[in-house]
Amino acid sequence: MKLHSETLGKAGELLELNRLLDGREHLLVIIHNTPDPDAIASAAALAFLAEKRTGIQSSIAYGGIIGRAENREMIRRLNIQMKQISRISFRKYDCVALVDTQPGSGNNSLPPGVAWQIVIDHHPRRSNLRNGFVRIEPEIGATSTLLVECLQESQIDIPADLATALAFAITSETQNLLRETTRRDIDAYMFVYQRSNIRKLAQIASPRLRHPYFEALSKTLSRARIYRNVICAHIGKIPTPETVSEMANFLLRHERVGWCLCSGHFRNRLIISLRSSKPNAKANELIKALVPGMNTVGGHDMSAGGYIPLHEGKNQEFMELEIRLLRDFAFLLGYRNANWKPLLETRDSPQ
């Protein structure tokens, strides 16, 4: 079955999606590892849409952990049910969807040999996906926008909790509609915002923070180094993979900074996050040049990230890799002899 949804109107897309789901009993929606609000809300929206249109029952599965305070608060307050993919019996499901990720992207836990039928994503296309229902629109700021448009076309009343999840997802993914945002993202946000629980939305956006967050913030500030309009921070051991992107977003707010690279140690992986304040910065291309030959990194024009697997994850391995990344990052930006300075003069600043 070949359903090229990009060539269909929204009504045609829904019809094709209905045809694909018709007669199936159980849908498994897989999102990327260590999922963010966009992945979580998009999956919840697809599960809701599928159930309302065809009666199919759905489960949402993810790999990794959910550590960021906002993400935990979102799941708890909006009662979004998800399962660790290690607990999934794939024999139960006769339909598999990937949302906010793609087959072969390296950031999801779809087992080899398990067939998929649906892909909905806003990241650049990773491979030539021919079979099934495929909707990939990299120009859109959030995958949630695509799901909001499907719900609008279906004319299904959206529950307040789902609307709240989608509203928070769009603002989170686009940094409050400032990063890689289109008119469609804004329209989708306004549509679901009016149907949201505003109190829950505020509680999710400003959750209580655990102590490890402040430890990571302290290490980030003490280890950050700056050269011209570029800032880098190798944080060391981190409590959750999301810590790196969280700190990168924070450092990018510096008034002099146009580029930011952060990294952190999590198990046997070096988690990396790249940010730019410049539209059309092509961060996704830069990070692939920084980590050539790996399918574990990717992103968009202004934001990119991923991880580098290490053999043993010893401190020496991390240190050597971080030194290389710092050198190569400056070189790719056109700085051959960057004279890095501590962002803050503290006793913990690297020499």
C-alpha atoms as a PDB file:
ATOM      1  CA  MET A   1       0.000   0.000   0.000  1.00  0.00           C
ATOM      2  CA  LYS A   2       1.442   3.372  -1.012  1.00  0.00           C
ATOM      3  CA  LEU A   3      -0.248   6.423   0.468  1.00  0.00           C
ATOM      4  CA  HIS A   4       1.629   9.613  -0.332  1.00  0.00           C
ATOM      5  CA  SER A   5      -0.210  11.961   2.019  1.00  0.00           C
ATOM      6  CA  GLU A   6       1.892  14.961   0.966  1.00  0.00           C
ATOM      7  CA  THR A   7       0.007  15.042  -2.340  1.00  0.00           C
ATOM      8  CA  LEU A   8      -3.444  14.929  -0.746  1.00  0.00           C
ATOM      9  CA  GLY A   9      -5.581  17.653   0.771  1.00  0.00           C
ATOM     10  CA  LYS A  10      -6.378  17.407   4.481  1.00  0.00           C
ATOM     11  CA  ALA A  11      -9.730  15.756   3.777  1.00  0.00           C
ATOM     12  CA  GLY A  12      -8.011  13.252   1.504  1.00  0.00           C
ATOM     13  CA  GLU A  13      -5.380  12.562   4.147  1.00  0.00           C
ATOM     14  CA  LEU A  14      -8.027  11.724   6.737  1.00  0.00           C
ATOM     15  CA  LEU A  15      -9.815   9.458   4.287  1.00  0.00           C
ATOM     16  CA  GLU A  16      -6.605   7.582   3.550  1.00  0.00           C
ATOM     17  CA  LEU A  17      -5.817   7.344   7.257  1.00  0.00           C
ATOM     18  CA  ASN A  18      -9.295   5.946   7.894  1.00  0.00           C
ATOM     19  CA  ARG A  19      -8.823   3.350   5.181  1.00  0.00           C
ATOM     20  CA  LEU A  20      -5.497   2.272   6.658  1.00  0.00           C
ATOM     21  CA  LEU A  21      -6.941   1.940  10.174  1.00  0.00           C
ATOM     22  CA  ASP A  22     -10.237   0.376   9.135  1.00  0.00           C
ATOM     23  CA  GLY A  23     -10.537  -3.180  10.407  1.00  0.00           C
ATOM     24  CA  ARG A  24      -7.499  -2.967  12.672  1.00  0.00           C
ATOM     25  CA  GLU A  25      -7.868  -3.445  16.408  1.00  0.00           C
ATOM     26  CA  HIS A  26      -4.786  -2.110  18.184  1.00  0.00           C
ATOM     27  CA  LEU A  27      -2.598   0.859  17.277  1.00  0.00           C
ATOM     28  CA  LEU A  28       0.852   1.349  18.799  1.00  0.00           C
ATOM     29  CA  VAL A  29       2.165   4.920  18.633  1.00  0.00           C
ATOM     30  CA  ILE A  30       5.949   5.062  19.069  1.00  0.00           C
ATOM     31  CA  ILE A  31       7.621   8.362  19.876  1.00  0.00           C
ATOM     32  CA  HIS A  32      11.287   9.222  20.082  1.00  0.00           C
ATOM     33  CA  ASN A  33      13.409   8.280  23.058  1.00  0.00           C
ATOM     34  CA  THR A  34      13.374  10.673  26.022  1.00  0.00           C
ATOM     35  CA  PRO A  35      10.272  12.305  24.517  1.00  0.00           C
ATOM     36  CA  ASP A  36       9.573  16.019  24.631  1.00  0.00           C
ATOM     37  CA  PRO A  37       6.149  17.736  24.833  1.00  0.00           C
ATOM     38  CA  ASP A  38       5.741  17.814  21.054  1.00  0.00           C
ATOM     39  CA  ALA A  39       6.183  14.062  20.751  1.00  0.00           C
ATOM     40  CA  ILE A  40       3.940  13.334  23.733  1.00  0.00           C
ATOM     41  CA  ALA A  41       1.100  15.630  22.672  1.00  0.00           C
ATOM     42  CA  SER A  42       1.271  14.523  19.031  1.00  0.00           C
ATOM     43  CA  ALA A  43       1.021  10.872  20.035  1.00  0.00           C
ATOM     44  CA  ALA A  44      -1.918  11.577  22.351  1.00  0.00           C
ATOM     45  CA  ALA A  45      -3.659  13.479  19.545  1.00  0.00           C
ATOM     46  CA  LEU A  46      -3.169  10.671  17.022  1.00  0.00           C
ATOM     47  CA  ALA A  47      -4.459   8.092  19.508  1.00  0.00           C
ATOM     48  CA  PHE A  48      -7.525  10.265  20.191  1.00  0.00           C
ATOM     49  CA  LEU A  49      -8.155  10.907  16.491  1.00  0.00           C
ATOM     50  CA  ALA A  50      -7.829   7.227  15.588  1.00  0.00           C
ATOM     51  CA  GLU A  51     -10.191   6.152  18.368  1.00  0.00           C
ATOM     52  CA  LYS A  52     -12.841   8.726  17.472  1.00  0.00           C
ATOM     53  CA  ARG A  53     -12.760   8.038  13.729  1.00  0.00           C
ATOM     54  CA  THR A  54     -12.336   4.262  13.631  1.00  0.00           C
ATOM     55  CA  GLY A  55     -12.767   2.958  17.186  1.00  0.00           C
ATOM     56  CA  ILE A  56      -9.250   1.520  17.291  1.00  0.00           C
ATOM     57  CA  GLN A  57      -7.607   1.232  20.717  1.00  0.00           C
ATOM     58  CA  SER A  58      -4.154   2.778  21.082  1.00  0.00           C
ATOM     59  CA  SER A  59      -1.067   2.643  23.285  1.00  0.00           C
ATOM     60  CA  ILE A  60       1.805   5.137  23.351  1.00  0.00           C
ATOM     61  CA  ALA A  61       5.337   3.775  23.796  1.00  0.00           C
ATOM     62  CA  TYR A  62       8.687   5.453  24.364  1.00  0.00           C
ATOM     63  CA  GLY A  63      12.281   4.567  25.175  1.00  0.00           C
ATOM     64  CA  GLY A  64      14.634   6.273  27.585  1.00  0.00           C
ATOM     65  CA  ILE A  65      13.397   8.356  30.497  1.00  0.00           C
ATOM     66  CA  ILE A  66      11.240  11.413  31.087  1.00  0.00           C
ATOM     67  CA  GLY A  67      13.237  13.655  33.367  1.00  0.00           C
ATOM     68  CA  ARG A  68      12.500  17.293  32.592  1.00  0.00           C
ATOM     69  CA  ALA A  69      10.160  18.833  35.146  1.00  0.00           C
ATOM     70  CA  GLU A  70       7.773  20.335  32.576  1.00  0.00           C
ATOM     71  CA  ASN A  71       7.402  17.023  30.785  1.00  0.00           C
ATOM     72  CA  ARG A  72       6.641  15.101  33.973  1.00  0.00           C
ATOM     73  CA  GLU A  73       4.157  17.767  35.021  1.00  0.00           C
ATOM     74  CA  MET A  74       2.459  17.629  31.622  1.00  0.00           C
ATOM     75  CA  ILE A  75       1.982  13.862  31.777  1.00  0.00           C
ATOM     76  CA  ARG A  76       0.770  13.942  35.385  1.00  0.00           C
ATOM     77  CA  ARG A  77      -1.668  16.847  35.195  1.00  0.00           C
ATOM     78  CA  LEU A  78      -3.135  15.848  31.826  1.00  0.00           C
ATOM     79  CA  ASN A  79      -3.274  12.113  32.638  1.00  0.00           C
ATOM     80  CA  ILE A  80      -1.432  11.032  29.491  1.00  0.00           C
ATOM     81  CA  GLN A  81      -0.904   7.265  29.576  1.00  0.00           C
ATOM     82  CA  MET A  82       2.356   5.978  28.114  1.00  0.00           C
ATOM     83  CA  LYS A  83       4.388   2.783  28.416  1.00  0.00           C
ATOM     84  CA  GLN A  84       8.076   1.998  28.333  1.00  0.00           C
ATOM     85  CA  ILE A  85       8.660   0.243  25.020  1.00  0.00           C
ATOM     86  CA  SER A  86      10.418  -2.593  26.860  1.00  0.00           C
ATOM     87  CA  ARG A  87       7.001  -3.531  28.295  1.00  0.00           C
ATOM     88  CA  ILE A  88       5.331  -3.729  24.875  1.00  0.00           C
ATOM     89  CA  SER A  89       4.278  -7.047  23.328  1.00  0.00           C
ATOM     90  CA  PHE A  90       4.381  -6.226  19.626  1.00  0.00           C
ATOM     91  CA  ARG A  91       2.260  -9.269  18.755  1.00  0.00           C
ATOM     92  CA  LYS A  92      -0.733  -7.451  20.205  1.00  0.00           C
ATOM     93  CA  TYR A  93      -0.619  -4.600  17.685  1.00  0.00           C
ATOM     94  CA  ASP A  94      -1.712  -4.792  14.070  1.00  0.00           C
ATOM     95  CA  CYS A  95      -0.807  -1.181  13.302  1.00  0.00           C
ATOM     96  CA  VAL A  96       2.318   0.799  14.250  1.00  0.00           C
ATOM     97  CA  ALA A  97       2.776   4.562  13.949  1.00  0.00           C
ATOM     98  CA  LEU A  98       5.886   6.667  14.465  1.00  0.00           C
ATOM     99  CA  VAL A  99       5.200  10.233  15.560  1.00  0.00           C
ATOM    100  CA  ASP A 100       7.769  13.054  15.798  1.00  0.00           C
ATOM    101  CA  THR A 101      10.364  10.548  14.606  1.00  0.00           C
ATOM    102  CA  GLN A 102      11.012   8.337  11.595  1.00  0.00           C
ATOM    103  CA  PRO A 103      12.244   4.834  10.793  1.00  0.00           C
ATOM    104  CA  GLY A 104      16.024   4.767  10.721  1.00  0.00           C
ATOM    105  CA  SER A 105      16.425   8.069  12.545  1.00  0.00           C
ATOM    106  CA  GLY A 106      18.396   6.496  15.389  1.00  0.00           C
ATOM    107  CA  ASN A 107      16.371   8.237  18.101  1.00  0.00           C
ATOM    108  CA  ASN A 108      13.518   5.768  18.584  1.00  0.00           C
ATOM    109  CA  SER A 109      13.240   2.189  19.842  1.00  0.00           C
ATOM    110  CA  LEU A 110      11.344   0.598  16.960  1.00  0.00           C
ATOM    111  CA  PRO A 111      12.784  -2.942  16.917  1.00  0.00           C
ATOM    112  CA  PRO A 112      14.381  -4.175  13.675  1.00  0.00           C
ATOM    113  CA  GLY A 113      11.945  -6.172  11.609  1.00  0.00           C
ATOM    114  CA  VAL A 114       8.779  -4.602  13.075  1.00  0.00           C
ATOM    115  CA  ALA A 115       6.709  -3.124  10.257  1.00  0.00           C
ATOM    116  CA  TRP A 116       5.255   0.357  10.533  1.00  0.00           C
ATOM    117  CA  GLN A 117       2.200   1.762   8.747  1.00  0.00           C
ATOM    118  CA  ILE A 118       2.105   5.470   9.733  1.00  0.00           C
ATOM    119  CA  VAL A 119       4.757   8.202  10.021  1.00  0.00           C
ATOM    120  CA  ILE A 120       3.914  11.780  11.056  1.00  0.00           C
ATOM    121  CA  ASP A 121       6.832  14.130  11.669  1.00  0.00           C
ATOM    122  CA  HIS A 122       8.240  17.629  11.162  1.00  0.00           C
ATOM    123  CA  HIS A 123      11.930  16.707  11.010  1.00  0.00           C
ATOM    124  CA  PRO A 124      13.776  16.449   7.686  1.00  0.00           C
ATOM    125  CA  ARG A 125      13.049  13.224   5.838  1.00  0.00           C
ATOM    126  CA  ARG A 126      15.630  10.610   6.812  1.00  0.00           C
ATOM    127  CA  SER A 127      15.040   8.052   4.078  1.00  0.00           C
ATOM    128  CA  ASN A 128      12.841   7.253   1.109  1.00  0.00           C
ATOM    129  CA  LEU A 129       9.684   6.153   2.948  1.00  0.00           C
ATOM    130  CA  ARG A 130       7.422   4.668   0.328  1.00  0.00           C
ATOM    131  CA  ASN A 131       4.901   2.413   2.050  1.00  0.00           C
ATOM    132  CA  GLY A 132       2.123   3.406   4.421  1.00  0.00           C
ATOM    133  CA  PHE A 133       0.721   6.773   5.443  1.00  0.00           C
ATOM    134  CA  VAL A 134       3.585   9.286   5.490  1.00  0.00           C
ATOM    135  CA  ARG A 135       3.167  12.929   6.414  1.00  0.00           C
ATOM    136  CA  ILE A 136       6.476  14.740   6.873  1.00  0.00           C
ATOM    137  CA  GLU A 137       6.575  18.544   6.759  1.00  0.00           C
ATOM    138  CA  PRO A 138       9.969  19.918   7.907  1.00  0.00           C
ATOM    139  CA  GLU A 139       8.926  23.507   7.324  1.00  0.00           C
ATOM    140  CA  ILE A 140       6.408  23.294  10.183  1.00  0.00           C
ATOM    141  CA  GLY A 141       7.570  24.281  13.667  1.00  0.00           C
ATOM    142  CA  ALA A 142       5.912  21.409  15.548  1.00  0.00           C
ATOM    143  CA  THR A 143       4.513  17.979  14.779  1.00  0.00           C
ATOM    144  CA  SER A 144       1.600  18.925  17.051  1.00  0.00           C
ATOM    145  CA  THR A 145       0.550  21.517  14.467  1.00  0.00           C
ATOM    146  CA  LEU A 146      -0.031  18.742  11.935  1.00  0.00           C
ATOM    147  CA  LEU A 147      -2.212  16.842  14.399  1.00  0.00           C
ATOM    148  CA  VAL A 148      -4.188  19.966  15.315  1.00  0.00           C
ATOM    149  CA  GLU A 149      -4.941  20.479  11.622  1.00  0.00           C
ATOM    150  CA  CYS A 150      -6.169  16.874  11.333  1.00  0.00           C
ATOM    151  CA  LEU A 151      -8.423  17.349  14.373  1.00  0.00           C
ATOM    152  CA  GLN A 152      -9.780  20.577  12.910  1.00  0.00           C
ATOM    153  CA  GLU A 153     -10.551  18.878   9.600  1.00  0.00           C
ATOM    154  CA  SER A 154     -12.273  16.032  11.460  1.00  0.00           C
ATOM    155  CA  GLN A 155     -14.501  18.526  13.284  1.00  0.00           C
ATOM    156  CA  ILE A 156     -14.101  16.515  16.477  1.00  0.00           C
ATOM    157  CA  ASP A 157     -14.462  18.326  19.790  1.00  0.00           C
ATOM    158  CA  ILE A 158     -11.062  18.329  21.473  1.00  0.00           C
ATOM    159  CA  PRO A 159     -11.063  17.639  25.227  1.00  0.00           C
ATOM    160  CA  ALA A 160      -9.545  20.403  27.337  1.00  0.00           C
ATOM    161  CA  ASP A 161      -6.644  18.238  28.537  1.00  0.00           C
ATOM    162  CA  LEU A 162      -5.646  17.281  24.989  1.00  0.00           C
ATOM    163  CA  ALA A 163      -5.946  20.899  23.848  1.00  0.00           C
ATOM    164  CA  THR A 164      -3.749  21.915  26.783  1.00  0.00           C
ATOM    165  CA  ALA A 165      -1.118  19.324  25.828  1.00  0.00           C
ATOM    166  CA  LEU A 166      -1.077  20.498  22.216  1.00  0.00           C
ATOM    167  CA  ALA A 167      -0.891  24.177  23.175  1.00  0.00           C
ATOM    168  CA  PHE A 168       2.035  23.573  25.512  1.00  0.00           C
ATOM    169  CA  ALA A 169       3.752  21.364  22.928  1.00  0.00           C
ATOM    170  CA  ILE A 170       3.633  24.021  20.209  1.00  0.00           C
ATOM    171  CA  THR A 171       4.975  26.777  22.467  1.00  0.00           C
ATOM    172  CA  SER A 172       7.660  24.477  23.887  1.00  0.00           C
ATOM    173  CA  GLU A 173       8.841  23.262  20.495  1.00  0.00           C
ATOM    174  CA  THR A 174       8.940  26.775  19.014  1.00  0.00           C
ATOM    175  CA  GLN A 175      10.301  28.530  22.138  1.00  0.00           C
ATOM    176  CA  ASN A 176       7.080  30.514  22.645  1.00  0.00           C
ATOM    177  CA  LEU A 177       6.500  30.896  18.889  1.00  0.00           C
ATOM    178  CA  LEU A 178       9.894  32.567  18.378  1.00  0.00           C
ATOM    179  CA  ARG A 179      11.840  29.682  16.790  1.00  0.00           C
ATOM    180  CA  GLU A 180      11.077  28.184  13.361  1.00  0.00           C
ATOM    181  CA  THR A 181       7.432  29.208  13.584  1.00  0.00           C
ATOM    182  CA  THR A 182       5.035  29.388  10.644  1.00  0.00           C
ATOM    183  CA  ARG A 183       1.612  30.924  10.295  1.00  0.00           C
ATOM    184  CA  ARG A 184       0.162  27.422  10.544  1.00  0.00           C
ATOM    185  CA  ASP A 185       1.842  26.905  13.942  1.00  0.00           C
ATOM    186  CA  ILE A 186       0.374  30.169  15.220  1.00  0.00           C
ATOM    187  CA  ASP A 187      -3.103  29.325  13.918  1.00  0.00           C
ATOM    188  CA  ALA A 188      -2.940  25.842  15.437  1.00  0.00           C
ATOM    189  CA  TYR A 189      -1.784  27.259  18.756  1.00  0.00           C
ATOM    190  CA  MET A 190      -4.580  29.833  18.888  1.00  0.00           C
ATOM    191  CA  PHE A 191      -7.131  27.113  18.072  1.00  0.00           C
ATOM    192  CA  VAL A 192      -6.101  24.808  20.926  1.00  0.00           C
ATOM    193  CA  TYR A 193      -5.237  27.606  23.373  1.00  0.00           C
ATOM    194  CA  GLN A 194      -8.864  28.733  23.366  1.00  0.00           C
ATOM    195  CA  ARG A 195      -9.886  25.189  24.321  1.00  0.00           C
ATOM    196  CA  SER A 196      -7.169  24.678  26.946  1.00  0.00           C
ATOM    197  CA  ASN A 197      -7.318  24.587  30.704  1.00  0.00           C
ATOM    198  CA  ILE A 198      -5.353  27.789  31.302  1.00  0.00           C
ATOM    199  CA  ARG A 199      -4.596  26.984  34.935  1.00  0.00           C
ATOM    200  CA  LYS A 200      -3.085  23.601  34.014  1.00  0.00           C
ATOM    201  CA  LEU A 201      -1.165  25.212  31.171  1.00  0.00           C
ATOM    202  CA  ALA A 202       0.445  27.648  33.602  1.00  0.00           C
ATOM    203  CA  GLN A 203       1.229  24.875  36.102  1.00  0.00           C
ATOM    204  CA  ILE A 204       2.948  22.806  33.401  1.00  0.00           C
ATOM    205  CA  ALA A 205       4.990  25.746  32.157  1.00  0.00           C
ATOM    206  CA  SER A 206       6.246  26.639  35.654  1.00  0.00           C
ATOM    207  CA  PRO A 207       6.704  23.385  37.592  1.00  0.00           C
ATOM    208  CA  ARG A 208       8.563  22.926  40.848  1.00  0.00           C
ATOM    209  CA  LEU A 209      12.198  22.027  40.127  1.00  0.00           C
ATOM    210  CA  ARG A 210      14.171  19.230  41.750  1.00  0.00           C
ATOM    211  CA  HIS A 211      17.559  19.832  43.325  1.00  0.00           C
ATOM    212  CA  PRO A 212      19.577  18.172  40.484  1.00  0.00           C
ATOM    213  CA  TYR A 213      18.357  20.921  38.134  1.00  0.00           C
ATOM    214  CA  PHE A 214      20.159  23.553  40.196  1.00  0.00           C
ATOM    215  CA  GLU A 215      23.278  21.422  40.398  1.00  0.00           C
ATOM    216  CA  ALA A 216      23.295  21.137  36.597  1.00  0.00           C
ATOM    217  CA  LEU A 217      22.699  24.872  36.250  1.00  0.00           C
ATOM    218  CA  SER A 218      25.611  25.618  38.565  1.00  0.00           C
ATOM    219  CA  LYS A 219      27.954  23.326  36.616  1.00  0.00           C
ATOM    220  CA  THR A 220      26.796  24.804  33.312  1.00  0.00           C
ATOM    221  CA  LEU A 221      27.529  28.372  34.385  1.00  0.00           C
ATOM    222  CA  SER A 222      30.877  27.519  35.949  1.00  0.00           C
ATOM    223  CA  ARG A 223      32.048  25.511  32.921  1.00  0.00           C
ATOM    224  CA  ALA A 224      30.649  27.665  30.105  1.00  0.00           C
ATOM    225  CA  ARG A 225      33.221  29.214  27.796  1.00  0.00           C
ATOM    226  CA  ILE A 226      32.656  32.030  25.319  1.00  0.00           C
ATOM    227  CA  TYR A 227      34.380  33.338  22.204  1.00  0.00           C
ATOM    228  CA  ARG A 228      32.883  36.214  20.237  1.00  0.00           C
ATOM    229  CA  ASN A 229      29.228  35.215  19.697  1.00  0.00           C
ATOM    230  CA  VAL A 230      29.716  31.514  20.475  1.00  0.00           C
ATOM    231  CA  ILE A 231      29.239  29.801  23.824  1.00  0.00           C
ATOM    232  CA  CYS A 232      30.000  26.181  24.774  1.00  0.00           C
ATOM    233  CA  ALA A 233      29.471  24.231  27.971  1.00  0.00           C
ATOM    234  CA  HIS A 234      30.569  20.664  28.678  1.00  0.00           C
ATOM    235  CA  ILE A 235      28.453  19.975  31.748  1.00  0.00           C
ATOM    236  CA  GLY A 236      29.828  16.590  32.779  1.00  0.00           C
ATOM    237  CA  LYS A 237      27.508  14.022  34.346  1.00  0.00           C
ATOM    238  CA  ILE A 238      23.850  14.949  33.953  1.00  0.00           C
ATOM    239  CA  PRO A 239      20.722  13.633  35.737  1.00  0.00           C
ATOM    240  CA  THR A 240      18.663  13.288  32.538  1.00  0.00           C
ATOM    241  CA  PRO A 241      19.392  13.606  28.792  1.00  0.00           C
ATOM    242  CA  GLU A 242      17.026  16.613  28.543  1.00  0.00           C
ATOM    243  CA  THR A 243      19.342  18.594  30.805  1.00  0.00           C
ATOM    244  CA  VAL A 244      21.645  19.367  27.885  1.00  0.00           C
ATOM    245  CA  SER A 245      18.992  20.938  25.650  1.00  0.00           C
ATOM    246  CA  GLU A 246      17.530  22.751  28.654  1.00  0.00           C
ATOM    247  CA  MET A 247      20.899  24.347  29.444  1.00  0.00           C
ATOM    248  CA  ALA A 248      21.566  25.133  25.766  1.00  0.00           C
ATOM    249  CA  ASN A 249      18.286  27.027  25.503  1.00  0.00           C
ATOM    250  CA  PHE A 250      19.187  28.916  28.670  1.00  0.00           C
ATOM    251  CA  LEU A 251      22.678  29.929  27.489  1.00  0.00           C
ATOM    252  CA  LEU A 252      21.381  31.051  24.100  1.00  0.00           C
ATOM    253  CA  ARG A 253      19.511  33.831  25.878  1.00  0.00           C
ATOM    254  CA  HIS A 254      22.821  35.632  26.493  1.00  0.00           C
ATOM    255  CA  GLU A 255      22.593  38.977  24.696  1.00  0.00           C
ATOM    256  CA  ARG A 256      25.896  38.468  22.821  1.00  0.00           C
ATOM    257  CA  VAL A 257      25.396  34.864  21.779  1.00  0.00           C
ATOM    258  CA  GLY A 258      24.330  33.600  18.352  1.00  0.00           C
ATOM    259  CA  TRP A 259      25.498  29.978  18.681  1.00  0.00           C
ATOM    260  CA  CYS A 260      25.527  27.555  21.600  1.00  0.00           C
ATOM    261  CA  LEU A 261      26.840  24.014  21.960  1.00  0.00           C
ATOM    262  CA  CYS A 262      26.253  21.987  25.136  1.00  0.00           C
ATOM    263  CA  SER A 263      27.149  18.431  26.038  1.00  0.00           C
ATOM    264  CA  GLY A 264      26.697  16.113  28.988  1.00  0.00           C
ATOM    265  CA  HIS A 265      27.573  12.577  30.102  1.00  0.00           C
ATOM    266  CA  PHE A 266      24.654  10.176  30.409  1.00  0.00           C
ATOM    267  CA  ARG A 267      25.593   6.541  30.846  1.00  0.00           C
ATOM    268  CA  ASN A 268      27.804   5.591  27.861  1.00  0.00           C
ATOM    269  CA  ARG A 269      26.668   8.474  25.700  1.00  0.00           C
ATOM    270  CA  LEU A 270      27.727  12.048  25.176  1.00  0.00           C
ATOM    271  CA  ILE A 271      24.476  13.971  24.758  1.00  0.00           C
ATOM    272  CA  ILE A 272      24.902  17.060  22.577  1.00  0.00           C
ATOM    273  CA  SER A 273      22.641  20.011  21.866  1.00  0.00           C
ATOM    274  CA  LEU A 274      23.224  22.764  19.323  1.00  0.00           C
ATOM    275  CA  ARG A 275      21.282  26.025  19.227  1.00  0.00           C
ATOM    276  CA  SER A 276      21.347  29.196  17.132  1.00  0.00           C
ATOM    277  CA  SER A 277      19.452  32.458  17.360  1.00  0.00           C
ATOM    278  CA  LYS A 278      19.817  32.941  13.592  1.00  0.00           C
ATOM    279  CA  PRO A 279      16.986  31.933  11.233  1.00  0.00           C
ATOM    280  CA  ASN A 280      18.180  29.590   8.483  1.00  0.00           C
ATOM    281  CA  ALA A 281      21.320  28.775  10.491  1.00  0.00           C
ATOM    282  CA  LYS A 282      21.158  25.157   9.234  1.00  0.00           C
ATOM    283  CA  ALA A 283      22.026  23.729  12.636  1.00  0.00           C
ATOM    284  CA  ASN A 284      20.966  20.285  11.421  1.00  0.00           C
ATOM    285  CA  GLU A 285      23.674  20.358   8.751  1.00  0.00           C
ATOM    286  CA  LEU A 286      26.294  21.722  11.130  1.00  0.00           C
ATOM    287  CA  ILE A 287      25.737  19.014  13.721  1.00  0.00           C
ATOM    288  CA  LYS A 288      26.065  16.316  11.067  1.00  0.00           C
ATOM    289  CA  ALA A 289      29.380  17.860  10.005  1.00  0.00           C
ATOM    290  CA  LEU A 290      30.416  17.959  13.654  1.00  0.00           C
ATOM    291  CA  VAL A 291      29.561  14.277  14.112  1.00  0.00           C
ATOM    292  CA  PRO A 292      30.043  12.788  10.634  1.00  0.00           C
ATOM    293  CA  GLY A 293      28.723   9.386   9.679  1.00  0.00           C
ATOM    294  CA  MET A 294      26.255   9.006  12.563  1.00  0.00           C
ATOM    295  CA  ASN A 295      22.492   8.666  12.383  1.00  0.00           C
ATOM    296  CA  THR A 296      22.085   9.599  16.049  1.00  0.00           C
ATOM    297  CA  VAL A 297      22.028  13.360  15.437  1.00  0.00           C
ATOM    298  CA  GLY A 298      19.691  15.664  13.552  1.00  0.00           C
ATOM    299  CA  GLY A 299      17.382  18.618  13.913  1.00  0.00           C
ATOM    300  CA  HIS A 300      16.234  21.830  12.296  1.00  0.00           C
ATOM    301  CA  ASP A 301      17.649  25.147  11.123  1.00  0.00           C
ATOM    302  CA  MET A 302      17.932  26.711  14.589  1.00  0.00           C
ATOM    303  CA  SER A 303      18.119  23.651  16.843  1.00  0.00           C
ATOM    304  CA  ALA A 304      19.730  20.243  16.609  1.00  0.00           C
ATOM    305  CA  GLY A 305      20.928  17.507  18.906  1.00  0.00           C
ATOM    306  CA  GLY A 306      21.474  13.848  19.548  1.00  0.00           C
ATOM    307  CA  TYR A 307      24.140  11.685  21.104  1.00  0.00           C
ATOM    308  CA  ILE A 308      27.484  10.047  20.457  1.00  0.00           C
ATOM    309  CA  PRO A 309      27.800   6.474  21.758  1.00  0.00           C
ATOM    310  CA  LEU A 310      31.043   5.684  23.562  1.00  0.00           C
ATOM    311  CA  HIS A 311      32.702   2.318  23.987  1.00  0.00           C
ATOM    312  CA  GLU A 312      33.092   2.341  27.761  1.00  0.00           C
ATOM    313  CA  GLY A 313      32.065   5.823  28.825  1.00  0.00           C
ATOM    314  CA  LYS A 314      35.233   6.503  30.808  1.00  0.00           C
ATOM    315  CA  ASN A 315      36.144  10.040  31.784  1.00  0.00           C
ATOM    316  CA  GLN A 316      39.113  10.071  29.403  1.00  0.00           C
ATOM    317  CA  GLU A 317      36.853   9.181  26.470  1.00  0.00           C
ATOM    318  CA  PHE A 318      34.468  11.998  27.305  1.00  0.00           C
ATOM    319  CA  MET A 319      37.283  14.502  27.788  1.00  0.00           C
ATOM    320  CA  GLU A 320      38.959  13.734  24.463  1.00  0.00           C
ATOM    321  CA  LEU A 321      35.663  13.929  22.602  1.00  0.00           C
ATOM    322  CA  GLU A 322      34.693  17.219  24.235  1.00  0.00           C
ATOM    323  CA  ILE A 323      38.040  18.784  23.305  1.00  0.00           C
ATOM    324  CA  ARG A 324      37.569  17.717  19.692  1.00  0.00           C
ATOM    325  CA  LEU A 325      33.985  19.005  19.568  1.00  0.00           C
ATOM    326  CA  LEU A 326      35.036  22.387  20.940  1.00  0.00           C
ATOM    327  CA  ARG A 327      37.812  22.695  18.341  1.00  0.00           C
ATOM    328  CA  ASP A 328      35.724  21.454  15.409  1.00  0.00           C
ATOM    329  CA  PHE A 329      32.696  23.554  16.335  1.00  0.00           C
ATOM    330  CA  ALA A 330      34.768  26.745  16.248  1.00  0.00           C
ATOM    331  CA  PHE A 331      36.409  25.646  12.989  1.00  0.00           C
ATOM    332  CA  LEU A 332      33.063  24.967  11.285  1.00  0.00           C
ATOM    333  CA  LEU A 333      31.930  28.452  12.278  1.00  0.00           C
ATOM    334  CA  GLY A 334      35.050  29.930  10.674  1.00  0.00           C
ATOM    335  CA  TYR A 335      37.194  30.421  13.787  1.00  0.00           C
ATOM    336  CA  ARG A 336      40.534  28.645  13.411  1.00  0.00           C
ATOM    337  CA  ASN A 337      42.189  29.857  16.609  1.00  0.00           C
ATOM    338  CA  ALA A 338      39.370  30.532  19.044  1.00  0.00           C
ATOM    339  CA  ASN A 339      40.579  31.992  22.322  1.00  0.00           C
ATOM    340  CA  TRP A 340      37.899  30.668  24.682  1.00  0.00           C
ATOM    341  CA  LYS A 341      37.287  32.553  27.920  1.00  0.00           C
ATOM    342  CA  PRO A 342      35.234  31.499  30.955  1.00  0.00           C
ATOM    343  CA  LEU A 343      31.740  32.958  30.858  1.00  0.00           C
ATOM    344  CA  LEU A 344      32.042  33.619  34.590  1.00  0.00           C
ATOM    345  CA  GLU A 345      35.193  34.013  36.606  1.00  0.00           C
ATOM    346  CA  THR A 346      34.818  31.292  39.238  1.00  0.00           C
ATOM    347  CA  ARG A 347      37.157  28.866  40.924  1.00  0.00           C
ATOM    348  CA  ASP A 348      35.548  26.005  38.944  1.00  0.00           C
ATOM    349  CA  SER A 349      36.154  27.593  35.542  1.00  0.00           C
ATOM    350  CA  PRO A 350      38.252  25.367  33.252  1.00  0.00           C
ATOM    351  CA  GLN A 351      41.796  26.570  32.684  1.00  0.00           C
END
